[in-house]
PDB file of N, CA and C in Angstrom:
ATOM      1  N   UNK A   1     148.748  51.546 136.337  1.00  0.00           N
ATOM      2  CA  UNK A   1     148.525  50.122 136.320  1.00  0.00           C
ATOM      3  C   UNK A   1     147.298  49.754 135.485  1.00  0.00           C
ATOM      4  N   UNK A   2     146.245  50.586 135.615  1.00  0.00           N
ATOM      5  CA  UNK A   2     145.023  50.326 134.843  1.00  0.00           C
ATOM      6  C   UNK A   2     145.270  50.506 133.342  1.00  0.00           C
ATOM      7  N   UNK A   3     146.096  51.514 132.985  1.00  0.00           N
ATOM      8  CA  UNK A   3     146.385  51.745 131.572  1.00  0.00           C
ATOM      9  C   UNK A   3     147.131  50.556 130.984  1.00  0.00           C
ATOM     10  N   UNK A   4     148.047  49.969 131.741  1.00  0.00           N
ATOM     11  CA  UNK A   4     148.788  48.818 131.264  1.00  0.00           C
ATOM     12  C   UNK A   4     147.847  47.634 131.081  1.00  0.00           C
ATOM     13  N   UNK A   5     146.949  47.443 132.024  1.00  0.00           N
ATOM     14  CA  UNK A   5     145.988  46.334 131.910  1.00  0.00           C
ATOM     15  C   UNK A   5     145.073  46.529 130.687  1.00  0.00           C
ATOM     16  N   UNK A   6     144.613  47.753 130.495  1.00  0.00           N
ATOM     17  CA  UNK A   6     143.753  48.027 129.327  1.00  0.00           C
ATOM     18  C   UNK A   6     144.539  47.793 128.039  1.00  0.00           C
ATOM     19  N   UNK A   7     145.791  48.198 128.010  1.00  0.00           N
ATOM     20  CA  UNK A   7     146.630  47.995 126.805  1.00  0.00           C
ATOM     21  C   UNK A   7     146.824  46.512 126.541  1.00  0.00           C
ATOM     22  N   UNK A   8     147.129  45.757 127.583  1.00  0.00           N
ATOM     23  CA  UNK A   8     147.377  44.310 127.413  1.00  0.00           C
ATOM     24  C   UNK A   8     146.104  43.630 126.932  1.00  0.00           C
ATOM     25  N   UNK A   9     144.966  43.958 127.512  1.00  0.00           N
ATOM     26  CA  UNK A   9     143.712  43.322 127.143  1.00  0.00           C
ATOM     27  C   UNK A   9     143.336  43.714 125.701  1.00  0.00           C
ATOM     28  N   UNK A  10     143.510  45.011 125.360  1.00  0.00           N
ATOM     29  CA  UNK A  10     143.181  45.451 124.016  1.00  0.00           C
ATOM     30  C   UNK A  10     144.122  44.881 122.969  1.00  0.00           C
ATOM     31  N   UNK A  11     145.299  44.438 123.391  1.00  0.00           N
ATOM     32  CA  UNK A  11     146.266  43.831 122.448  1.00  0.00           C
ATOM     33  C   UNK A  11     146.034  42.309 122.366  1.00  0.00           C
ATOM     34  N   UNK A  12     145.720  41.671 123.488  1.00  0.00           N
ATOM     35  CA  UNK A  12     145.612  40.224 123.529  1.00  0.00           C
ATOM     36  C   UNK A  12     144.324  39.710 122.904  1.00  0.00           C
ATOM     37  N   UNK A  13     143.234  40.387 123.056  1.00  0.00           N
ATOM     38  CA  UNK A  13     141.972  39.940 122.524  1.00  0.00           C
ATOM     39  C   UNK A  13     141.972  39.816 121.003  1.00  0.00           C
ATOM     40  N   UNK A  14     142.400  40.860 120.253  1.00  0.00           N
ATOM     41  CA  UNK A  14     142.481  40.696 118.798  1.00  0.00           C
ATOM     42  C   UNK A  14     143.514  39.632 118.382  1.00  0.00           C
ATOM     43  N   UNK A  15     144.595  39.516 119.148  1.00  0.00           N
ATOM     44  CA  UNK A  15     145.598  38.494 118.835  1.00  0.00           C
ATOM     45  C   UNK A  15     145.015  37.095 119.028  1.00  0.00           C
ATOM     46  N   UNK A  16     144.292  36.911 120.124  1.00  0.00           N
ATOM     47  CA  UNK A  16     143.649  35.626 120.371  1.00  0.00           C
ATOM     48  C   UNK A  16     142.590  35.295 119.299  1.00  0.00           C
ATOM     49  N   UNK A  17     141.823  36.294 118.882  1.00  0.00           N
ATOM     50  CA  UNK A  17     140.853  36.091 117.823  1.00  0.00           C
ATOM     51  C   UNK A  17     141.544  35.655 116.528  1.00  0.00           C
ATOM     52  N   UNK A  18     142.676  36.313 116.216  1.00  0.00           N
ATOM     53  CA  UNK A  18     143.390  35.960 114.990  1.00  0.00           C
ATOM     54  C   UNK A  18     143.914  34.522 115.052  1.00  0.00           C
ATOM     55  N   UNK A  19     144.431  34.114 116.199  1.00  0.00           N
ATOM     56  CA  UNK A  19     144.972  32.776 116.368  1.00  0.00           C
ATOM     57  C   UNK A  19     143.845  31.764 116.243  1.00  0.00           C
ATOM     58  N   UNK A  20     142.708  32.011 116.846  1.00  0.00           N
ATOM     59  CA  UNK A  20     141.556  31.083 116.731  1.00  0.00           C
ATOM     60  C   UNK A  20     141.117  30.967 115.268  1.00  0.00           C
ATOM     61  N   UNK A  21     141.035  32.085 114.562  1.00  0.00           N
ATOM     62  CA  UNK A  21     140.667  32.032 113.148  1.00  0.00           C
ATOM     63  C   UNK A  21     141.668  31.272 112.329  1.00  0.00           C
ATOM     64  N   UNK A  22     142.944  31.456 112.596  1.00  0.00           N
ATOM     65  CA  UNK A  22     144.002  30.746 111.879  1.00  0.00           C
ATOM     66  C   UNK A  22     143.923  29.239 112.121  1.00  0.00           C
ATOM     67  N   UNK A  23     143.719  28.835 113.370  1.00  0.00           N
ATOM     68  CA  UNK A  23     143.609  27.410 113.673  1.00  0.00           C
ATOM     69  C   UNK A  23     142.374  26.794 113.009  1.00  0.00           C
ATOM     70  N   UNK A  24     141.254  27.514 113.030  1.00  0.00           N
ATOM     71  CA  UNK A  24     140.049  27.010 112.356  1.00  0.00           C
ATOM     72  C   UNK A  24     140.263  26.860 110.856  1.00  0.00           C
ATOM     73  N   UNK A  25     140.975  27.822 110.270  1.00  0.00           N
ATOM     74  CA  UNK A  25     141.287  27.775 108.844  1.00  0.00           C
ATOM     75  C   UNK A  25     142.185  26.569 108.505  1.00  0.00           C
ATOM     76  N   UNK A  26     143.184  26.357 109.345  1.00  0.00           N
ATOM     77  CA  UNK A  26     144.107  25.213 109.080  1.00  0.00           C
ATOM     78  C   UNK A  26     143.397  23.882 109.244  1.00  0.00           C
ATOM     79  N   UNK A  27     142.519  23.754 110.204  1.00  0.00           N
ATOM     80  CA  UNK A  27     141.753  22.502 110.387  1.00  0.00           C
ATOM     81  C   UNK A  27     140.816  22.303 109.208  1.00  0.00           C
ATOM     82  N   UNK A  28     140.163  23.379 108.746  1.00  0.00           N
ATOM     83  CA  UNK A  28     139.280  23.256 107.602  1.00  0.00           C
ATOM     84  C   UNK A  28     140.047  22.826 106.361  1.00  0.00           C
ATOM     85  N   UNK A  29     141.202  23.405 106.139  1.00  0.00           N
ATOM     86  CA  UNK A  29     142.047  23.037 104.974  1.00  0.00           C
ATOM     87  C   UNK A  29     142.443  21.573 105.067  1.00  0.00           C
ATOM     88  N   UNK A  30     142.812  21.131 106.247  1.00  0.00           N
ATOM     89  CA  UNK A  30     143.217  19.732 106.417  1.00  0.00           C
ATOM     90  C   UNK A  30     142.063  18.780 106.035  1.00  0.00           C
ATOM     91  N   UNK A  31     140.862  19.080 106.460  1.00  0.00           N
ATOM     92  CA  UNK A  31     139.753  18.197 106.156  1.00  0.00           C
ATOM     93  C   UNK A  31     139.248  18.340 104.709  1.00  0.00           C
ATOM     94  N   UNK A  32     139.428  19.528 104.101  1.00  0.00           N
ATOM     95  CA  UNK A  32     139.130  19.654 102.683  1.00  0.00           C
ATOM     96  C   UNK A  32     140.122  18.814 101.859  1.00  0.00           C
ATOM     97  N   UNK A  33     141.361  18.737 102.300  1.00  0.00           N
ATOM     98  CA  UNK A  33     142.354  17.910 101.640  1.00  0.00           C
ATOM     99  C   UNK A  33     141.950  16.431 101.749  1.00  0.00           C
ATOM    100  N   UNK A  34     141.477  16.017 102.913  1.00  0.00           N
ATOM    101  CA  UNK A  34     140.994  14.650 103.104  1.00  0.00           C
ATOM    102  C   UNK A  34     139.829  14.341 102.165  1.00  0.00           C
ATOM    103  N   UNK A  35     138.894  15.287 102.088  1.00  0.00           N
ATOM    104  CA  UNK A  35     137.767  15.101 101.168  1.00  0.00           C
ATOM    105  C   UNK A  35     138.201  14.992  99.723  1.00  0.00           C
ATOM    106  N   UNK A  36     139.171  15.807  99.338  1.00  0.00           N
ATOM    107  CA  UNK A  36     139.703  15.766  97.979  1.00  0.00           C
ATOM    108  C   UNK A  36     140.341  14.392  97.711  1.00  0.00           C
ATOM    109  N   UNK A  37     141.096  13.871  98.661  1.00  0.00           N
ATOM    110  CA  UNK A  37     141.714  12.570  98.477  1.00  0.00           C
ATOM    111  C   UNK A  37     140.679  11.482  98.321  1.00  0.00           C
ATOM    112  N   UNK A  38     139.609  11.556  99.106  1.00  0.00           N
ATOM    113  CA  UNK A  38     138.547  10.547  98.999  1.00  0.00           C
ATOM    114  C   UNK A  38     137.842  10.626  97.674  1.00  0.00           C
ATOM    115  N   UNK A  39     137.582  11.840  97.179  1.00  0.00           N
ATOM    116  CA  UNK A  39     136.920  11.989  95.860  1.00  0.00           C
ATOM    117  C   UNK A  39     137.807  11.481  94.769  1.00  0.00           C
ATOM    118  N   UNK A  40     139.089  11.818  94.807  1.00  0.00           N
ATOM    119  CA  UNK A  40     140.024  11.319  93.776  1.00  0.00           C
ATOM    120  C   UNK A  40     140.110   9.815  93.809  1.00  0.00           C
ATOM    121  N   UNK A  41     140.087   9.243  95.000  1.00  0.00           N
ATOM    122  CA  UNK A  41     140.147   7.770  95.115  1.00  0.00           C
ATOM    123  C   UNK A  41     138.868   7.153  94.516  1.00  0.00           C
ATOM    124  N   UNK A  42     137.745   7.806  94.710  1.00  0.00           N
ATOM    125  CA  UNK A  42     136.497   7.303  94.142  1.00  0.00           C
ATOM    126  C   UNK A  42     136.506   7.362  92.627  1.00  0.00           C
ATOM    127  N   UNK A  43     137.045   8.450  92.070  1.00  0.00           N
ATOM    128  CA  UNK A  43     137.152   8.602  90.607  1.00  0.00           C
ATOM    129  C   UNK A  43     138.056   7.526  90.009  1.00  0.00           C
ATOM    130  N   UNK A  44     139.104   7.186  90.754  1.00  0.00           N
ATOM    131  CA  UNK A  44     140.069   6.215  90.246  1.00  0.00           C
ATOM    132  C   UNK A  44     139.746   4.778  90.666  1.00  0.00           C
ATOM    133  N   UNK A  45     138.624   4.605  91.341  1.00  0.00           N
ATOM    134  CA  UNK A  45     138.141   3.288  91.782  1.00  0.00           C
ATOM    135  C   UNK A  45     139.216   2.561  92.617  1.00  0.00           C
ATOM    136  N   UNK A  46     139.705   3.256  93.604  1.00  0.00           N
ATOM    137  CA  UNK A  46     140.649   2.673  94.535  1.00  0.00           C
ATOM    138  C   UNK A  46     140.275   3.059  95.942  1.00  0.00           C
ATOM    139  N   UNK A  47     140.904   2.458  96.925  1.00  0.00           N
ATOM    140  CA  UNK A  47     140.644   2.760  98.313  1.00  0.00           C
ATOM    141  C   UNK A  47     141.335   4.048  98.658  1.00  0.00           C
ATOM    142  N   UNK A  48     140.600   4.961  99.283  1.00  0.00           N
ATOM    143  CA  UNK A  48     141.142   6.254  99.673  1.00  0.00           C
ATOM    144  C   UNK A  48     141.866   6.186 101.005  1.00  0.00           C
ATOM    145  N   UNK A  49     142.143   7.323 101.605  1.00  0.00           N
ATOM    146  CA  UNK A  49     142.806   7.346 102.922  1.00  0.00           C
ATOM    147  C   UNK A  49     141.860   6.886 104.022  1.00  0.00           C
ATOM    148  N   UNK A  50     141.885   5.622 104.333  1.00  0.00           N
ATOM    149  CA  UNK A  50     140.985   5.108 105.374  1.00  0.00           C
ATOM    150  C   UNK A  50     141.726   4.266 106.424  1.00  0.00           C
ATOM    151  N   UNK A  51     143.031   4.372 106.510  1.00  0.00           N
ATOM    152  CA  UNK A  51     143.804   3.515 107.392  1.00  0.00           C
ATOM    153  C   UNK A  51     143.901   4.131 108.774  1.00  0.00           C
ATOM    154  N   UNK A  52     144.037   5.430 108.868  1.00  0.00           N
ATOM    155  CA  UNK A  52     144.275   6.100 110.149  1.00  0.00           C
ATOM    156  C   UNK A  52     142.957   6.575 110.733  1.00  0.00           C
ATOM    157  N   UNK A  53     142.557   5.955 111.834  1.00  0.00           N
ATOM    158  CA  UNK A  53     141.329   6.339 112.510  1.00  0.00           C
ATOM    159  C   UNK A  53     140.091   5.743 111.833  1.00  0.00           C
ATOM    160  N   UNK A  54     138.953   6.200 112.277  1.00  0.00           N
ATOM    161  CA  UNK A  54     137.666   5.748 111.703  1.00  0.00           C
ATOM    162  C   UNK A  54     137.472   6.441 110.361  1.00  0.00           C
ATOM    163  N   UNK A  55     137.332   5.668 109.301  1.00  0.00           N
ATOM    164  CA  UNK A  55     137.204   6.138 107.906  1.00  0.00           C
ATOM    165  C   UNK A  55     138.194   7.226 107.522  1.00  0.00           C
ATOM    166  N   UNK A  56     139.380   7.211 108.124  1.00  0.00           N
ATOM    167  CA  UNK A  56     140.445   8.135 107.748  1.00  0.00           C
ATOM    168  C   UNK A  56     140.352   9.521 108.331  1.00  0.00           C
ATOM    169  N   UNK A  57     139.544   9.712 109.367  1.00  0.00           N
ATOM    170  CA  UNK A  57     139.396  11.069 109.932  1.00  0.00           C
ATOM    171  C   UNK A  57     140.643  11.563 110.653  1.00  0.00           C
ATOM    172  N   UNK A  58     141.550  10.681 111.006  1.00  0.00           N
ATOM    173  CA  UNK A  58     142.784  11.110 111.655  1.00  0.00           C
ATOM    174  C   UNK A  58     143.928  11.310 110.672  1.00  0.00           C
ATOM    175  N   UNK A  59     143.646  11.095 109.372  1.00  0.00           N
ATOM    176  CA  UNK A  59     144.679  11.269 108.368  1.00  0.00           C
ATOM    177  C   UNK A  59     145.278  12.683 108.337  1.00  0.00           C
ATOM    178  N   UNK A  60     144.457  13.768 108.441  1.00  0.00           N
ATOM    179  CA  UNK A  60     145.062  15.090 108.464  1.00  0.00           C
ATOM    180  C   UNK A  60     146.017  15.297 109.655  1.00  0.00           C
ATOM    181  N   UNK A  61     145.670  14.696 110.798  1.00  0.00           N
ATOM    182  CA  UNK A  61     146.549  14.792 111.974  1.00  0.00           C
ATOM    183  C   UNK A  61     147.849  14.065 111.700  1.00  0.00           C
ATOM    184  N   UNK A  62     147.764  12.875 111.085  1.00  0.00           N
ATOM    185  CA  UNK A  62     148.977  12.117 110.765  1.00  0.00           C
ATOM    186  C   UNK A  62     149.829  12.876 109.758  1.00  0.00           C
ATOM    187  N   UNK A  63     149.206  13.535 108.782  1.00  0.00           N
ATOM    188  CA  UNK A  63     149.942  14.344 107.816  1.00  0.00           C
ATOM    189  C   UNK A  63     150.645  15.532 108.502  1.00  0.00           C
ATOM    190  N   UNK A  64     149.979  16.160 109.448  1.00  0.00           N
ATOM    191  CA  UNK A  64     150.573  17.260 110.172  1.00  0.00           C
ATOM    192  C   UNK A  64     151.760  16.816 111.018  1.00  0.00           C
ATOM    193  N   UNK A  65     151.636  15.672 111.674  1.00  0.00           N
ATOM    194  CA  UNK A  65     152.753  15.158 112.484  1.00  0.00           C
ATOM    195  C   UNK A  65     153.940  14.807 111.585  1.00  0.00           C
ATOM    196  N   UNK A  66     153.632  14.212 110.448  1.00  0.00           N
ATOM    197  CA  UNK A  66     154.700  13.863 109.463  1.00  0.00           C
ATOM    198  C   UNK A  66     155.401  15.111 109.008  1.00  0.00           C
ATOM    199  N   UNK A  67     154.637  16.176 108.697  1.00  0.00           N
ATOM    200  CA  UNK A  67     155.226  17.431 108.232  1.00  0.00           C
ATOM    201  C   UNK A  67     156.069  18.071 109.323  1.00  0.00           C
ATOM    202  N   UNK A  68     155.598  18.034 110.544  1.00  0.00           N
ATOM    203  CA  UNK A  68     156.370  18.646 111.654  1.00  0.00           C
ATOM    204  C   UNK A  68     157.623  17.866 111.975  1.00  0.00           C
ATOM    205  N   UNK A  69     157.619  16.565 111.701  1.00  0.00           N
ATOM    206  CA  UNK A  69     158.780  15.740 112.052  1.00  0.00           C
ATOM    207  C   UNK A  69     159.840  15.753 110.966  1.00  0.00           C
ATOM    208  N   UNK A  70     159.570  16.382 109.825  1.00  0.00           N
ATOM    209  CA  UNK A  70     160.562  16.409 108.751  1.00  0.00           C
ATOM    210  C   UNK A  70     161.796  17.208 109.179  1.00  0.00           C
ATOM    211  N   UNK A  71     162.887  16.828 108.623  1.00  0.00           N
ATOM    212  CA  UNK A  71     164.152  17.486 108.943  1.00  0.00           C
ATOM    213  C   UNK A  71     164.234  18.844 108.273  1.00  0.00           C
ATOM    214  N   UNK A  72     164.653  19.855 109.017  1.00  0.00           N
ATOM    215  CA  UNK A  72     164.798  21.200 108.484  1.00  0.00           C
ATOM    216  C   UNK A  72     166.216  21.331 107.916  1.00  0.00           C
ATOM    217  N   UNK A  73     166.315  21.493 106.611  1.00  0.00           N
ATOM    218  CA  UNK A  73     167.613  21.516 105.910  1.00  0.00           C
ATOM    219  C   UNK A  73     167.944  22.935 105.469  1.00  0.00           C
ATOM    220  N   UNK A  74     169.122  23.400 105.833  1.00  0.00           N
ATOM    221  CA  UNK A  74     169.655  24.672 105.351  1.00  0.00           C
ATOM    222  C   UNK A  74     170.860  24.347 104.496  1.00  0.00           C
ATOM    223  N   UNK A  75     170.863  24.786 103.227  1.00  0.00           N
ATOM    224  CA  UNK A  75     172.008  24.498 102.365  1.00  0.00           C
ATOM    225  C   UNK A  75     173.319  25.019 102.974  1.00  0.00           C
ATOM    226  N   UNK A  76     174.393  24.245 102.864  1.00  0.00           N
ATOM    227  CA  UNK A  76     175.651  24.559 103.549  1.00  0.00           C
ATOM    228  C   UNK A  76     176.348  25.794 102.974  1.00  0.00           C
ATOM    229  N   UNK A  77     176.162  26.087 101.696  1.00  0.00           N
ATOM    230  CA  UNK A  77     176.854  27.212 101.058  1.00  0.00           C
ATOM    231  C   UNK A  77     175.943  28.430 100.938  1.00  0.00           C
ATOM    232  N   UNK A  78     174.933  28.529 101.792  1.00  0.00           N
ATOM    233  CA  UNK A  78     173.998  29.671 101.733  1.00  0.00           C
ATOM    234  C   UNK A  78     174.148  30.510 102.997  1.00  0.00           C
ATOM    235  N   UNK A  79     173.662  31.729 102.938  1.00  0.00           N
ATOM    236  CA  UNK A  79     173.587  32.587 104.096  1.00  0.00           C
ATOM    237  C   UNK A  79     172.347  32.183 104.862  1.00  0.00           C
ATOM    238  N   UNK A  80     172.529  31.575 106.029  1.00  0.00           N
ATOM    239  CA  UNK A  80     171.399  31.005 106.754  1.00  0.00           C
ATOM    240  C   UNK A  80     170.421  32.101 107.232  1.00  0.00           C
ATOM    241  N   UNK A  81     170.886  33.284 107.531  1.00  0.00           N
ATOM    242  CA  UNK A  81     169.959  34.368 107.949  1.00  0.00           C
ATOM    243  C   UNK A  81     169.037  34.758 106.806  1.00  0.00           C
ATOM    244  N   UNK A  82     169.574  34.887 105.610  1.00  0.00           N
ATOM    245  CA  UNK A  82     168.745  35.224 104.449  1.00  0.00           C
ATOM    246  C   UNK A  82     167.812  34.066 104.106  1.00  0.00           C
ATOM    247  N   UNK A  83     168.326  32.851 104.188  1.00  0.00           N
ATOM    248  CA  UNK A  83     167.527  31.666 103.853  1.00  0.00           C
ATOM    249  C   UNK A  83     166.298  31.566 104.763  1.00  0.00           C
ATOM    250  N   UNK A  84     166.494  31.716 106.031  1.00  0.00           N
ATOM    251  CA  UNK A  84     165.400  31.621 107.005  1.00  0.00           C
ATOM    252  C   UNK A  84     164.525  32.877 106.953  1.00  0.00           C
ATOM    253  N   UNK A  85     165.150  34.036 106.856  1.00  0.00           N
ATOM    254  CA  UNK A  85     164.421  35.312 106.800  1.00  0.00           C
ATOM    255  C   UNK A  85     163.504  35.414 105.626  1.00  0.00           C
ATOM    256  N   UNK A  86     163.962  34.932 104.459  1.00  0.00           N
ATOM    257  CA  UNK A  86     163.093  34.966 103.273  1.00  0.00           C
ATOM    258  C   UNK A  86     161.872  34.092 103.462  1.00  0.00           C
ATOM    259  N   UNK A  87     162.057  32.919 104.035  1.00  0.00           N
ATOM    260  CA  UNK A  87     160.914  32.028 104.263  1.00  0.00           C
ATOM    261  C   UNK A  87     159.915  32.674 105.252  1.00  0.00           C
ATOM    262  N   UNK A  88     160.450  33.303 106.305  1.00  0.00           N
ATOM    263  CA  UNK A  88     159.559  33.956 107.270  1.00  0.00           C
ATOM    264  C   UNK A  88     158.841  35.139 106.658  1.00  0.00           C
ATOM    265  N   UNK A  89     159.534  35.896 105.793  1.00  0.00           N
ATOM    266  CA  UNK A  89     158.908  37.039 105.130  1.00  0.00           C
ATOM    267  C   UNK A  89     157.797  36.590 104.223  1.00  0.00           C
ATOM    268  N   UNK A  90     157.995  35.534 103.457  1.00  0.00           N
ATOM    269  CA  UNK A  90     156.953  35.017 102.561  1.00  0.00           C
ATOM    270  C   UNK A  90     155.757  34.563 103.374  1.00  0.00           C
ATOM    271  N   UNK A  91     155.989  33.866 104.476  1.00  0.00           N
ATOM    272  CA  UNK A  91     154.890  33.419 105.325  1.00  0.00           C
ATOM    273  C   UNK A  91     154.093  34.584 105.863  1.00  0.00           C
ATOM    274  N   UNK A  92     154.799  35.593 106.382  1.00  0.00           N
ATOM    275  CA  UNK A  92     154.109  36.762 106.947  1.00  0.00           C
ATOM    276  C   UNK A  92     153.314  37.494 105.879  1.00  0.00           C
ATOM    277  N   UNK A  93     153.884  37.666 104.693  1.00  0.00           N
ATOM    278  CA  UNK A  93     153.165  38.346 103.632  1.00  0.00           C
ATOM    279  C   UNK A  93     151.969  37.558 103.166  1.00  0.00           C
ATOM    280  N   UNK A  94     152.072  36.248 103.149  1.00  0.00           N
ATOM    281  CA  UNK A  94     150.932  35.392 102.778  1.00  0.00           C
ATOM    282  C   UNK A  94     149.811  35.511 103.799  1.00  0.00           C
ATOM    283  N   UNK A  95     150.174  35.588 105.082  1.00  0.00           N
ATOM    284  CA  UNK A  95     149.165  35.655 106.105  1.00  0.00           C
ATOM    285  C   UNK A  95     148.519  37.054 106.153  1.00  0.00           C
ATOM    286  N   UNK A  96     149.284  38.084 105.860  1.00  0.00           N
ATOM    287  CA  UNK A  96     148.724  39.439 105.872  1.00  0.00           C
ATOM    288  C   UNK A  96     147.833  39.656 104.679  1.00  0.00           C
ATOM    289  N   UNK A  97     148.197  39.089 103.507  1.00  0.00           N
ATOM    290  CA  UNK A  97     147.419  39.287 102.262  1.00  0.00           C
ATOM    291  C   UNK A  97     146.240  38.484 102.317  1.00  0.00           C
TER     292      UNK A  97
END
């Protein structure tokens, strides 16, 4: 029983650390994108993303909800296993590299 507990703890702690790092990275990327939009808006002398929340701070959250709500389309004349598997393989390779 102790060996199983040690195995589970030694497996879960690095996994939890990786998930926390990934979430922090995604949040940082979202806010860097917001900063980029604001800088581009300033260069073009127009109003940037400032509609959602206070000075646009909720814009990355709105973008994430919009992306998650998009329809997942699989072409009708394709092999769905290969279509989904290739996307998952590319994502895993990108995260590992």
